[in-house]
Amino acid sequence: MFTRDSEFCGRCNTFLVYPSLAPSKVQCPQCLTKWKFNAINNLQVTSAKTVYMKSIANTEDSTTDTGDAIVEHVCPRCENNEASYTTLQTRSADEGATIFYTCTKCKYKCIEYS
């Protein structure tokens, strides 16, 4: 089933991860079948891992830093009638965008689902 130069499990065809030392055993990560592994000429084993990190933008004083549009919107906290806004598609594409308002006076943030 398993040949010297095979990169895939002979039982389930899953990609095999070669050990760094030979001779050794290779275990399929899917079906857990173990195979004898001998050194393969000119085989170089390397691995890479990409890590994605989420970050939260600093939203303090966002009205002056980001250049968001200023519109008429009454603040529920201080009753100022100007706010900056940004939009974001937080739901499915066939529904309206979510509007985030930030009061230009007290920096209170409120959300409107359209």
PDB file of N, CA and C in Angstrom:
ATOM      1  N   MET A   1       0.808  -1.204   0.000  1.00  0.00           N
ATOM      2  CA  MET A   1       0.000   0.000   0.000  1.00  0.00           C
ATOM      3  C   MET A   1       0.852   1.270   0.000  1.00  0.00           C
ATOM      4  N   PHE A   2       1.822   1.365   0.886  1.00  0.00           N
ATOM      5  CA  PHE A   2       2.623   2.577   1.048  1.00  0.00           C
ATOM      6  C   PHE A   2       3.951   2.408   0.326  1.00  0.00           C
ATOM      7  N   THR A   3       4.281   3.335  -0.534  1.00  0.00           N
ATOM      8  CA  THR A   3       5.555   3.281  -1.232  1.00  0.00           C
ATOM      9  C   THR A   3       6.493   4.312  -0.639  1.00  0.00           C
ATOM     10  N   ARG A   4       7.772   4.144  -0.929  1.00  0.00           N
ATOM     11  CA  ARG A   4       8.791   5.021  -0.353  1.00  0.00           C
ATOM     12  C   ARG A   4       8.571   6.491  -0.659  1.00  0.00           C
ATOM     13  N   ASP A   5       8.140   6.797  -1.842  1.00  0.00           N
ATOM     14  CA  ASP A   5       8.031   8.198  -2.234  1.00  0.00           C
ATOM     15  C   ASP A   5       6.600   8.725  -2.181  1.00  0.00           C
ATOM     16  N   SER A   6       5.703   7.982  -1.563  1.00  0.00           N
ATOM     17  CA  SER A   6       4.310   8.417  -1.489  1.00  0.00           C
ATOM     18  C   SER A   6       4.148   9.529  -0.454  1.00  0.00           C
ATOM     19  N   GLU A   7       3.357  10.522  -0.801  1.00  0.00           N
ATOM     20  CA  GLU A   7       3.057  11.599   0.136  1.00  0.00           C
ATOM     21  C   GLU A   7       1.667  11.455   0.726  1.00  0.00           C
ATOM     22  N   PHE A   8       0.946  10.411   0.307  1.00  0.00           N
ATOM     23  CA  PHE A   8      -0.436  10.235   0.727  1.00  0.00           C
ATOM     24  C   PHE A   8      -0.640   8.861   1.338  1.00  0.00           C
ATOM     25  N   CYS A   9      -1.574   8.757   2.256  1.00  0.00           N
ATOM     26  CA  CYS A   9      -1.910   7.495   2.905  1.00  0.00           C
ATOM     27  C   CYS A   9      -2.442   6.518   1.853  1.00  0.00           C
ATOM     28  N   GLY A  10      -1.928   5.287   1.889  1.00  0.00           N
ATOM     29  CA  GLY A  10      -2.371   4.268   0.951  1.00  0.00           C
ATOM     30  C   GLY A  10      -3.763   3.757   1.243  1.00  0.00           C
ATOM     31  N   ARG A  11      -4.293   4.051   2.417  1.00  0.00           N
ATOM     32  CA  ARG A  11      -5.633   3.588   2.779  1.00  0.00           C
ATOM     33  C   ARG A  11      -6.708   4.633   2.486  1.00  0.00           C
ATOM     34  N   CYS A  12      -6.476   5.894   2.878  1.00  0.00           N
ATOM     35  CA  CYS A  12      -7.532   6.913   2.736  1.00  0.00           C
ATOM     36  C   CYS A  12      -7.117   8.117   1.886  1.00  0.00           C
ATOM     37  N   ASN A  13      -5.888   8.126   1.385  1.00  0.00           N
ATOM     38  CA  ASN A  13      -5.360   9.191   0.518  1.00  0.00           C
ATOM     39  C   ASN A  13      -5.203  10.548   1.198  1.00  0.00           C
ATOM     40  N   THR A  14      -5.087  10.574   2.512  1.00  0.00           N
ATOM     41  CA  THR A  14      -4.824  11.812   3.239  1.00  0.00           C
ATOM     42  C   THR A  14      -3.346  12.154   3.118  1.00  0.00           C
ATOM     43  N   PHE A  15      -3.022  13.440   3.033  1.00  0.00           N
ATOM     44  CA  PHE A  15      -1.628  13.880   2.973  1.00  0.00           C
ATOM     45  C   PHE A  15      -0.924  13.480   4.263  1.00  0.00           C
ATOM     46  N   LEU A  16       0.239  12.848   4.138  1.00  0.00           N
ATOM     47  CA  LEU A  16       0.984  12.394   5.309  1.00  0.00           C
ATOM     48  C   LEU A  16       2.011  13.433   5.729  1.00  0.00           C
ATOM     49  N   VAL A  17       2.202  13.547   7.030  1.00  0.00           N
ATOM     50  CA  VAL A  17       3.217  14.427   7.582  1.00  0.00           C
ATOM     51  C   VAL A  17       4.414  13.554   7.922  1.00  0.00           C
ATOM     52  N   TYR A  18       5.527  13.790   7.252  1.00  0.00           N
ATOM     53  CA  TYR A  18       6.713  12.973   7.469  1.00  0.00           C
ATOM     54  C   TYR A  18       7.394  13.357   8.770  1.00  0.00           C
ATOM     55  N   PRO A  19       7.970  12.367   9.466  1.00  0.00           N
ATOM     56  CA  PRO A  19       8.730  12.675  10.680  1.00  0.00           C
ATOM     57  C   PRO A  19      10.067  13.309  10.307  1.00  0.00           C
ATOM     58  N   SER A  20      10.682  13.975  11.253  1.00  0.00           N
ATOM     59  CA  SER A  20      11.958  14.628  10.971  1.00  0.00           C
ATOM     60  C   SER A  20      13.123  13.647  11.003  1.00  0.00           C
ATOM     61  N   LEU A  21      12.944  12.494  11.633  1.00  0.00           N
ATOM     62  CA  LEU A  21      13.997  11.486  11.707  1.00  0.00           C
ATOM     63  C   LEU A  21      13.542  10.200  11.043  1.00  0.00           C
ATOM     64  N   ALA A  22      14.465   9.526  10.374  1.00  0.00           N
ATOM     65  CA  ALA A  22      14.171   8.228   9.762  1.00  0.00           C
ATOM     66  C   ALA A  22      15.246   7.250  10.230  1.00  0.00           C
ATOM     67  N   PRO A  23      15.010   5.978  10.319  1.00  0.00           N
ATOM     68  CA  PRO A  23      13.724   5.312  10.119  1.00  0.00           C
ATOM     69  C   PRO A  23      12.782   5.609  11.267  1.00  0.00           C
ATOM     70  N   SER A  24      11.526   5.591  10.971  1.00  0.00           N
ATOM     71  CA  SER A  24      10.505   5.921  11.949  1.00  0.00           C
ATOM     72  C   SER A  24       9.175   5.381  11.462  1.00  0.00           C
ATOM     73  N   LYS A  25       8.112   5.765  12.141  1.00  0.00           N
ATOM     74  CA  LYS A  25       6.757   5.398  11.721  1.00  0.00           C
ATOM     75  C   LYS A  25       6.009   6.669  11.354  1.00  0.00           C
ATOM     76  N   VAL A  26       5.194   6.565  10.320  1.00  0.00           N
ATOM     77  CA  VAL A  26       4.326   7.658   9.904  1.00  0.00           C
ATOM     78  C   VAL A  26       2.916   7.234  10.254  1.00  0.00           C
ATOM     79  N   GLN A  27       2.174   8.108  10.927  1.00  0.00           N
ATOM     80  CA  GLN A  27       0.782   7.804  11.250  1.00  0.00           C
ATOM     81  C   GLN A  27      -0.115   8.765  10.489  1.00  0.00           C
ATOM     82  N   CYS A  28      -1.083   8.197   9.786  1.00  0.00           N
ATOM     83  CA  CYS A  28      -2.040   9.005   9.041  1.00  0.00           C
ATOM     84  C   CYS A  28      -2.899   9.791  10.030  1.00  0.00           C
ATOM     85  N   PRO A  29      -3.024  11.107   9.872  1.00  0.00           N
ATOM     86  CA  PRO A  29      -3.834  11.896  10.799  1.00  0.00           C
ATOM     87  C   PRO A  29      -5.336  11.638  10.663  1.00  0.00           C
ATOM     88  N   GLN A  30      -5.747  11.043   9.538  1.00  0.00           N
ATOM     89  CA  GLN A  30      -7.172  10.802   9.307  1.00  0.00           C
ATOM     90  C   GLN A  30      -7.609   9.421   9.798  1.00  0.00           C
ATOM     91  N   CYS A  31      -7.000   8.365   9.251  1.00  0.00           N
ATOM     92  CA  CYS A  31      -7.446   6.998   9.578  1.00  0.00           C
ATOM     93  C   CYS A  31      -6.573   6.327  10.630  1.00  0.00           C
ATOM     94  N   LEU A  32      -5.495   6.985  11.057  1.00  0.00           N
ATOM     95  CA  LEU A  32      -4.580   6.532  12.105  1.00  0.00           C
ATOM     96  C   LEU A  32      -3.796   5.273  11.743  1.00  0.00           C
ATOM     97  N   THR A  33      -3.758   4.923  10.466  1.00  0.00           N
ATOM     98  CA  THR A  33      -2.945   3.800  10.023  1.00  0.00           C
ATOM     99  C   THR A  33      -1.479   4.182  10.155  1.00  0.00           C
ATOM    100  N   LYS A  34      -0.658   3.224  10.635  1.00  0.00           N
ATOM    101  CA  LYS A  34       0.772   3.482  10.800  1.00  0.00           C
ATOM    102  C   LYS A  34       1.533   2.803   9.671  1.00  0.00           C
ATOM    103  N   TRP A  35       2.529   3.510   9.165  1.00  0.00           N
ATOM    104  CA  TRP A  35       3.354   3.021   8.072  1.00  0.00           C
ATOM    105  C   TRP A  35       4.817   3.143   8.473  1.00  0.00           C
ATOM    106  N   LYS A  36       5.631   2.171   8.030  1.00  0.00           N
ATOM    107  CA  LYS A  36       7.066   2.246   8.250  1.00  0.00           C
ATOM    108  C   LYS A  36       7.626   3.308   7.309  1.00  0.00           C
ATOM    109  N   PHE A  37       8.484   4.141   7.831  1.00  0.00           N
ATOM    110  CA  PHE A  37       9.052   5.228   7.042  1.00  0.00           C
ATOM    111  C   PHE A  37      10.560   5.111   7.052  1.00  0.00           C
ATOM    112  N   ASN A  38      11.150   5.046   5.888  1.00  0.00           N
ATOM    113  CA  ASN A  38      12.601   5.070   5.730  1.00  0.00           C
ATOM    114  C   ASN A  38      12.976   6.380   5.052  1.00  0.00           C
ATOM    115  N   ALA A  39      14.236   6.745   5.167  1.00  0.00           N
ATOM    116  CA  ALA A  39      14.702   7.998   4.572  1.00  0.00           C
ATOM    117  C   ALA A  39      14.485   7.989   3.066  1.00  0.00           C
ATOM    118  N   ILE A  40      14.080   9.118   2.539  1.00  0.00           N
ATOM    119  CA  ILE A  40      13.894   9.292   1.100  1.00  0.00           C
ATOM    120  C   ILE A  40      14.969  10.255   0.624  1.00  0.00           C
ATOM    121  N   ASN A  41      15.693   9.864  -0.393  1.00  0.00           N
ATOM    122  CA  ASN A  41      16.765  10.716  -0.914  1.00  0.00           C
ATOM    123  C   ASN A  41      16.221  12.068  -1.349  1.00  0.00           C
ATOM    124  N   ASN A  42      16.946  13.110  -0.980  1.00  0.00           N
ATOM    125  CA  ASN A  42      16.639  14.489  -1.375  1.00  0.00           C
ATOM    126  C   ASN A  42      15.278  14.984  -0.882  1.00  0.00           C
ATOM    127  N   LEU A  43      14.738  14.375   0.154  1.00  0.00           N
ATOM    128  CA  LEU A  43      13.477  14.858   0.725  1.00  0.00           C
ATOM    129  C   LEU A  43      13.800  15.848   1.831  1.00  0.00           C
ATOM    130  N   GLN A  44      13.256  17.027   1.720  1.00  0.00           N
ATOM    131  CA  GLN A  44      13.442  18.047   2.739  1.00  0.00           C
ATOM    132  C   GLN A  44      12.095  18.301   3.383  1.00  0.00           C
ATOM    133  N   VAL A  45      12.013  18.082   4.686  1.00  0.00           N
ATOM    134  CA  VAL A  45      10.759  18.251   5.411  1.00  0.00           C
ATOM    135  C   VAL A  45      10.740  19.640   6.027  1.00  0.00           C
ATOM    136  N   THR A  46       9.748  20.442   5.649  1.00  0.00           N
ATOM    137  CA  THR A  46       9.561  21.768   6.231  1.00  0.00           C
ATOM    138  C   THR A  46       8.089  21.954   6.542  1.00  0.00           C
ATOM    139  N   SER A  47       7.801  22.877   7.409  1.00  0.00           N
ATOM    140  CA  SER A  47       6.405  23.193   7.710  1.00  0.00           C
ATOM    141  C   SER A  47       6.287  24.689   7.950  1.00  0.00           C
ATOM    142  N   ALA A  48       5.101  25.184   7.715  1.00  0.00           N
ATOM    143  CA  ALA A  48       4.827  26.601   7.928  1.00  0.00           C
ATOM    144  C   ALA A  48       3.442  26.733   8.526  1.00  0.00           C
ATOM    145  N   LYS A  49       3.272  27.732   9.345  1.00  0.00           N
ATOM    146  CA  LYS A  49       1.979  27.965   9.967  1.00  0.00           C
ATOM    147  C   LYS A  49       1.671  29.449   9.875  1.00  0.00           C
ATOM    148  N   THR A  50       0.501  29.774   9.362  1.00  0.00           N
ATOM    149  CA  THR A  50       0.073  31.160   9.262  1.00  0.00           C
ATOM    150  C   THR A  50      -0.896  31.448  10.401  1.00  0.00           C
ATOM    151  N   VAL A  51      -0.614  32.484  11.144  1.00  0.00           N
ATOM    152  CA  VAL A  51      -1.457  32.858  12.273  1.00  0.00           C
ATOM    153  C   VAL A  51      -2.122  34.185  11.944  1.00  0.00           C
ATOM    154  N   TYR A  52      -3.431  34.207  12.036  1.00  0.00           N
ATOM    155  CA  TYR A  52      -4.191  35.429  11.804  1.00  0.00           C
ATOM    156  C   TYR A  52      -4.689  35.939  13.147  1.00  0.00           C
ATOM    157  N   MET A  53      -4.453  37.198  13.409  1.00  0.00           N
ATOM    158  CA  MET A  53      -4.883  37.782  14.669  1.00  0.00           C
ATOM    159  C   MET A  53      -5.917  38.863  14.395  1.00  0.00           C
ATOM    160  N   LYS A  54      -6.960  38.840  15.184  1.00  0.00           N
ATOM    161  CA  LYS A  54      -7.959  39.897  15.086  1.00  0.00           C
ATOM    162  C   LYS A  54      -7.509  41.049  15.969  1.00  0.00           C
ATOM    163  N   SER A  55      -7.729  42.243  15.500  1.00  0.00           N
ATOM    164  CA  SER A  55      -7.402  43.399  16.319  1.00  0.00           C
ATOM    165  C   SER A  55      -8.590  44.348  16.314  1.00  0.00           C
ATOM    166  N   ILE A  56      -8.706  45.071  17.380  1.00  0.00           N
ATOM    167  CA  ILE A  56      -9.794  46.030  17.527  1.00  0.00           C
ATOM    168  C   ILE A  56      -9.198  47.421  17.395  1.00  0.00           C
ATOM    169  N   ALA A  57      -9.757  48.191  16.513  1.00  0.00           N
ATOM    170  CA  ALA A  57      -9.263  49.547  16.298  1.00  0.00           C
ATOM    171  C   ALA A  57      -9.630  50.425  17.485  1.00  0.00           C
ATOM    172  N   ASN A  58      -8.779  51.348  17.799  1.00  0.00           N
ATOM    173  CA  ASN A  58      -9.060  52.314  18.849  1.00  0.00           C
ATOM    174  C   ASN A  58     -10.103  53.285  18.316  1.00  0.00           C
ATOM    175  N   THR A  59     -11.270  53.317  18.948  1.00  0.00           N
ATOM    176  CA  THR A  59     -12.370  54.132  18.431  1.00  0.00           C
ATOM    177  C   THR A  59     -12.500  55.479  19.125  1.00  0.00           C
ATOM    178  N   GLU A  60     -11.658  55.764  20.086  1.00  0.00           N
ATOM    179  CA  GLU A  60     -11.760  57.039  20.788  1.00  0.00           C
ATOM    180  C   GLU A  60     -11.404  58.188  19.850  1.00  0.00           C
ATOM    181  N   ASP A  61     -12.196  59.208  19.854  1.00  0.00           N
ATOM    182  CA  ASP A  61     -12.030  60.376  18.986  1.00  0.00           C
ATOM    183  C   ASP A  61     -12.004  59.990  17.507  1.00  0.00           C
ATOM    184  N   SER A  62     -12.831  59.014  17.147  1.00  0.00           N
ATOM    185  CA  SER A  62     -12.814  58.525  15.767  1.00  0.00           C
ATOM    186  C   SER A  62     -13.402  59.528  14.779  1.00  0.00           C
ATOM    187  N   THR A  63     -14.158  60.489  15.257  1.00  0.00           N
ATOM    188  CA  THR A  63     -14.778  61.428  14.320  1.00  0.00           C
ATOM    189  C   THR A  63     -13.753  62.338  13.674  1.00  0.00           C
ATOM    190  N   THR A  64     -12.704  62.692  14.386  1.00  0.00           N
ATOM    191  CA  THR A  64     -11.702  63.566  13.794  1.00  0.00           C
ATOM    192  C   THR A  64     -10.592  62.775  13.117  1.00  0.00           C
ATOM    193  N   ASP A  65     -10.265  61.599  13.604  1.00  0.00           N
ATOM    194  CA  ASP A  65      -9.162  60.819  13.055  1.00  0.00           C
ATOM    195  C   ASP A  65      -9.512  60.141  11.740  1.00  0.00           C
ATOM    196  N   THR A  66     -10.713  59.616  11.613  1.00  0.00           N
ATOM    197  CA  THR A  66     -11.051  58.827  10.432  1.00  0.00           C
ATOM    198  C   THR A  66     -11.704  59.637   9.334  1.00  0.00           C
ATOM    199  N   GLY A  67     -12.173  60.845   9.637  1.00  0.00           N
ATOM    200  CA  GLY A  67     -12.819  61.651   8.619  1.00  0.00           C
ATOM    201  C   GLY A  67     -14.192  61.138   8.239  1.00  0.00           C
ATOM    202  N   ASP A  68     -14.899  60.499   9.161  1.00  0.00           N
ATOM    203  CA  ASP A  68     -16.243  60.001   8.881  1.00  0.00           C
ATOM    204  C   ASP A  68     -17.163  61.169   8.549  1.00  0.00           C
ATOM    205  N   ALA A  69     -18.174  60.889   7.768  1.00  0.00           N
ATOM    206  CA  ALA A  69     -19.142  61.914   7.379  1.00  0.00           C
ATOM    207  C   ALA A  69     -19.936  62.388   8.591  1.00  0.00           C
ATOM    208  N   ILE A  70     -20.261  63.670   8.613  1.00  0.00           N
ATOM    209  CA  ILE A  70     -21.075  64.254   9.683  1.00  0.00           C
ATOM    210  C   ILE A  70     -22.493  64.411   9.138  1.00  0.00           C
ATOM    211  N   VAL A  71     -23.461  63.906   9.910  1.00  0.00           N
ATOM    212  CA  VAL A  71     -24.867  63.972   9.495  1.00  0.00           C
ATOM    213  C   VAL A  71     -25.709  64.475  10.655  1.00  0.00           C
ATOM    214  N   GLU A  72     -26.952  64.820  10.337  1.00  0.00           N
ATOM    215  CA  GLU A  72     -27.898  65.191  11.388  1.00  0.00           C
ATOM    216  C   GLU A  72     -28.423  63.923  12.031  1.00  0.00           C
ATOM    217  N   HIS A  73     -28.164  63.792  13.321  1.00  0.00           N
ATOM    218  CA  HIS A  73     -28.644  62.641  14.090  1.00  0.00           C
ATOM    219  C   HIS A  73     -28.679  63.084  15.547  1.00  0.00           C
ATOM    220  N   VAL A  74     -29.832  62.985  16.179  1.00  0.00           N
ATOM    221  CA  VAL A  74     -29.981  63.447  17.562  1.00  0.00           C
ATOM    222  C   VAL A  74     -29.395  62.404  18.507  1.00  0.00           C
ATOM    223  N   CYS A  75     -28.465  62.862  19.339  1.00  0.00           N
ATOM    224  CA  CYS A  75     -27.833  61.983  20.326  1.00  0.00           C
ATOM    225  C   CYS A  75     -28.826  61.695  21.448  1.00  0.00           C
ATOM    226  N   PRO A  76     -29.070  60.430  21.797  1.00  0.00           N
ATOM    227  CA  PRO A  76     -30.003  60.120  22.877  1.00  0.00           C
ATOM    228  C   PRO A  76     -29.484  60.526  24.258  1.00  0.00           C
ATOM    229  N   ARG A  77     -28.200  60.785  24.384  1.00  0.00           N
ATOM    230  CA  ARG A  77     -27.632  61.143  25.679  1.00  0.00           C
ATOM    231  C   ARG A  77     -27.617  62.660  25.896  1.00  0.00           C
ATOM    232  N   CYS A  78     -27.043  63.421  24.965  1.00  0.00           N
ATOM    233  CA  CYS A  78     -26.896  64.871  25.184  1.00  0.00           C
ATOM    234  C   CYS A  78     -27.767  65.711  24.253  1.00  0.00           C
ATOM    235  N   GLU A  79     -28.514  65.088  23.374  1.00  0.00           N
ATOM    236  CA  GLU A  79     -29.422  65.735  22.432  1.00  0.00           C
ATOM    237  C   GLU A  79     -28.722  66.645  21.420  1.00  0.00           C
ATOM    238  N   ASN A  80     -27.428  66.461  21.243  1.00  0.00           N
ATOM    239  CA  ASN A  80     -26.709  67.147  20.170  1.00  0.00           C
ATOM    240  C   ASN A  80     -27.270  66.623  18.846  1.00  0.00           C
ATOM    241  N   ASN A  81     -27.326  67.471  17.816  1.00  0.00           N
ATOM    242  CA  ASN A  81     -27.946  67.020  16.570  1.00  0.00           C
ATOM    243  C   ASN A  81     -26.942  66.692  15.463  1.00  0.00           C
ATOM    244  N   GLU A  82     -25.658  66.534  15.799  1.00  0.00           N
ATOM    245  CA  GLU A  82     -24.662  66.130  14.815  1.00  0.00           C
ATOM    246  C   GLU A  82     -23.933  64.879  15.280  1.00  0.00           C
ATOM    247  N   ALA A  83     -23.699  63.987  14.326  1.00  0.00           N
ATOM    248  CA  ALA A  83     -22.964  62.757  14.630  1.00  0.00           C
ATOM    249  C   ALA A  83     -22.201  62.317  13.390  1.00  0.00           C
ATOM    250  N   SER A  84     -21.091  61.668  13.621  1.00  0.00           N
ATOM    251  CA  SER A  84     -20.399  61.034  12.503  1.00  0.00           C
ATOM    252  C   SER A  84     -20.951  59.621  12.397  1.00  0.00           C
ATOM    253  N   TYR A  85     -20.766  59.008  11.231  1.00  0.00           N
ATOM    254  CA  TYR A  85     -21.286  57.650  11.109  1.00  0.00           C
ATOM    255  C   TYR A  85     -20.393  56.799  10.220  1.00  0.00           C
ATOM    256  N   THR A  86     -20.452  55.525  10.468  1.00  0.00           N
ATOM    257  CA  THR A  86     -19.832  54.528   9.606  1.00  0.00           C
ATOM    258  C   THR A  86     -20.845  53.414   9.421  1.00  0.00           C
ATOM    259  N   THR A  87     -20.706  52.673   8.341  1.00  0.00           N
ATOM    260  CA  THR A  87     -21.618  51.557   8.092  1.00  0.00           C
ATOM    261  C   THR A  87     -20.815  50.273   7.982  1.00  0.00           C
ATOM    262  N   LEU A  88     -21.487  49.165   8.285  1.00  0.00           N
ATOM    263  CA  LEU A  88     -20.864  47.854   8.215  1.00  0.00           C
ATOM    264  C   LEU A  88     -21.937  46.831   7.910  1.00  0.00           C
ATOM    265  N   GLN A  89     -21.640  45.905   7.036  1.00  0.00           N
ATOM    266  CA  GLN A  89     -22.587  44.835   6.700  1.00  0.00           C
ATOM    267  C   GLN A  89     -22.418  43.736   7.745  1.00  0.00           C
ATOM    268  N   THR A  90     -23.249  43.758   8.789  1.00  0.00           N
ATOM    269  CA  THR A  90     -23.110  42.794   9.881  1.00  0.00           C
ATOM    270  C   THR A  90     -24.037  41.608   9.742  1.00  0.00           C
ATOM    271  N   ARG A  91     -25.001  41.694   8.848  1.00  0.00           N
ATOM    272  CA  ARG A  91     -25.949  40.598   8.637  1.00  0.00           C
ATOM    273  C   ARG A  91     -25.818  40.102   7.209  1.00  0.00           C
ATOM    274  N   SER A  92     -26.751  39.288   6.765  1.00  0.00           N
ATOM    275  CA  SER A  92     -26.655  38.732   5.417  1.00  0.00           C
ATOM    276  C   SER A  92     -26.754  39.836   4.365  1.00  0.00           C
ATOM    277  N   ALA A  93     -26.297  39.535   3.168  1.00  0.00           N
ATOM    278  CA  ALA A  93     -26.196  40.545   2.111  1.00  0.00           C
ATOM    279  C   ALA A  93     -27.545  41.092   1.664  1.00  0.00           C
ATOM    280  N   ASP A  94     -28.617  40.332   1.853  1.00  0.00           N
ATOM    281  CA  ASP A  94     -29.928  40.814   1.410  1.00  0.00           C
ATOM    282  C   ASP A  94     -30.600  41.713   2.446  1.00  0.00           C
ATOM    283  N   GLU A  95     -29.940  41.973   3.564  1.00  0.00           N
ATOM    284  CA  GLU A  95     -30.477  42.876   4.586  1.00  0.00           C
ATOM    285  C   GLU A  95     -29.657  44.162   4.584  1.00  0.00           C
ATOM    286  N   GLY A  96     -30.211  45.207   5.164  1.00  0.00           N
ATOM    287  CA  GLY A  96     -29.538  46.498   5.179  1.00  0.00           C
ATOM    288  C   GLY A  96     -28.286  46.499   6.035  1.00  0.00           C
ATOM    289  N   ALA A  97     -27.463  47.514   5.824  1.00  0.00           N
ATOM    290  CA  ALA A  97     -26.229  47.657   6.588  1.00  0.00           C
ATOM    291  C   ALA A  97     -26.531  48.184   7.987  1.00  0.00           C
ATOM    292  N   THR A  98     -25.623  47.958   8.911  1.00  0.00           N
ATOM    293  CA  THR A  98     -25.724  48.497  10.259  1.00  0.00           C
ATOM    294  C   THR A  98     -25.002  49.840  10.275  1.00  0.00           C
ATOM    295  N   ILE A  99     -25.649  50.864  10.850  1.00  0.00           N
ATOM    296  CA  ILE A  99     -25.064  52.203  10.903  1.00  0.00           C
ATOM    297  C   ILE A  99     -24.624  52.483  12.336  1.00  0.00           C
ATOM    298  N   PHE A 100     -23.362  52.884  12.484  1.00  0.00           N
ATOM    299  CA  PHE A 100     -22.805  53.217  13.792  1.00  0.00           C
ATOM    300  C   PHE A 100     -22.641  54.732  13.858  1.00  0.00           C
ATOM    301  N   TYR A 101     -23.387  55.377  14.771  1.00  0.00           N
ATOM    302  CA  TYR A 101     -23.314  56.827  14.943  1.00  0.00           C
ATOM    303  C   TYR A 101     -22.450  57.145  16.154  1.00  0.00           C
ATOM    304  N   THR A 102     -21.646  58.213  16.057  1.00  0.00           N
ATOM    305  CA  THR A 102     -20.860  58.706  17.185  1.00  0.00           C
ATOM    306  C   THR A 102     -21.152  60.191  17.328  1.00  0.00           C
ATOM    307  N   CYS A 103     -21.648  60.578  18.487  1.00  0.00           N
ATOM    308  CA  CYS A 103     -21.984  61.977  18.748  1.00  0.00           C
ATOM    309  C   CYS A 103     -20.716  62.825  18.673  1.00  0.00           C
ATOM    310  N   THR A 104     -20.803  63.961  17.974  1.00  0.00           N
ATOM    311  CA  THR A 104     -19.638  64.839  17.839  1.00  0.00           C
ATOM    312  C   THR A 104     -19.347  65.615  19.126  1.00  0.00           C
ATOM    313  N   LYS A 105     -20.320  65.669  20.035  1.00  0.00           N
ATOM    314  CA  LYS A 105     -20.140  66.428  21.270  1.00  0.00           C
ATOM    315  C   LYS A 105     -19.670  65.539  22.425  1.00  0.00           C
ATOM    316  N   CYS A 106     -20.430  64.480  22.742  1.00  0.00           N
ATOM    317  CA  CYS A 106     -20.110  63.660  23.922  1.00  0.00           C
ATOM    318  C   CYS A 106     -19.476  62.312  23.569  1.00  0.00           C
ATOM    319  N   LYS A 107     -19.341  62.016  22.283  1.00  0.00           N
ATOM    320  CA  LYS A 107     -18.733  60.779  21.778  1.00  0.00           C
ATOM    321  C   LYS A 107     -19.544  59.525  22.094  1.00  0.00           C
ATOM    322  N   TYR A 108     -20.819  59.701  22.455  1.00  0.00           N
ATOM    323  CA  TYR A 108     -21.695  58.548  22.700  1.00  0.00           C
ATOM    324  C   TYR A 108     -21.899  57.793  21.389  1.00  0.00           C
ATOM    325  N   LYS A 109     -21.871  56.471  21.467  1.00  0.00           N
ATOM    326  CA  LYS A 109     -22.033  55.648  20.272  1.00  0.00           C
ATOM    327  C   LYS A 109     -23.374  54.934  20.318  1.00  0.00           C
ATOM    328  N   CYS A 110     -24.080  54.948  19.199  1.00  0.00           N
ATOM    329  CA  CYS A 110     -25.331  54.205  19.109  1.00  0.00           C
ATOM    330  C   CYS A 110     -25.398  53.520  17.747  1.00  0.00           C
ATOM    331  N   ILE A 111     -26.241  52.511  17.672  1.00  0.00           N
ATOM    332  CA  ILE A 111     -26.332  51.671  16.477  1.00  0.00           C
ATOM    333  C   ILE A 111     -27.740  51.729  15.918  1.00  0.00           C
ATOM    334  N   GLU A 112     -27.833  51.759  14.599  1.00  0.00           N
ATOM    335  CA  GLU A 112     -29.132  51.712  13.925  1.00  0.00           C
ATOM    336  C   GLU A 112     -29.079  50.598  12.888  1.00  0.00           C
ATOM    337  N   TYR A 113     -30.000  49.656  13.024  1.00  0.00           N
ATOM    338  CA  TYR A 113     -30.092  48.558  12.059  1.00  0.00           C
ATOM    339  C   TYR A 113     -31.072  48.968  10.975  1.00  0.00           C
ATOM    340  N   SER A 114     -30.608  49.094   9.746  1.00  0.00           N
ATOM    341  CA  SER A 114     -31.501  49.542   8.671  1.00  0.00           C
ATOM    342  C   SER A 114     -31.941  48.382   7.803  1.00  0.00           C
TER     343      SER A 114
END
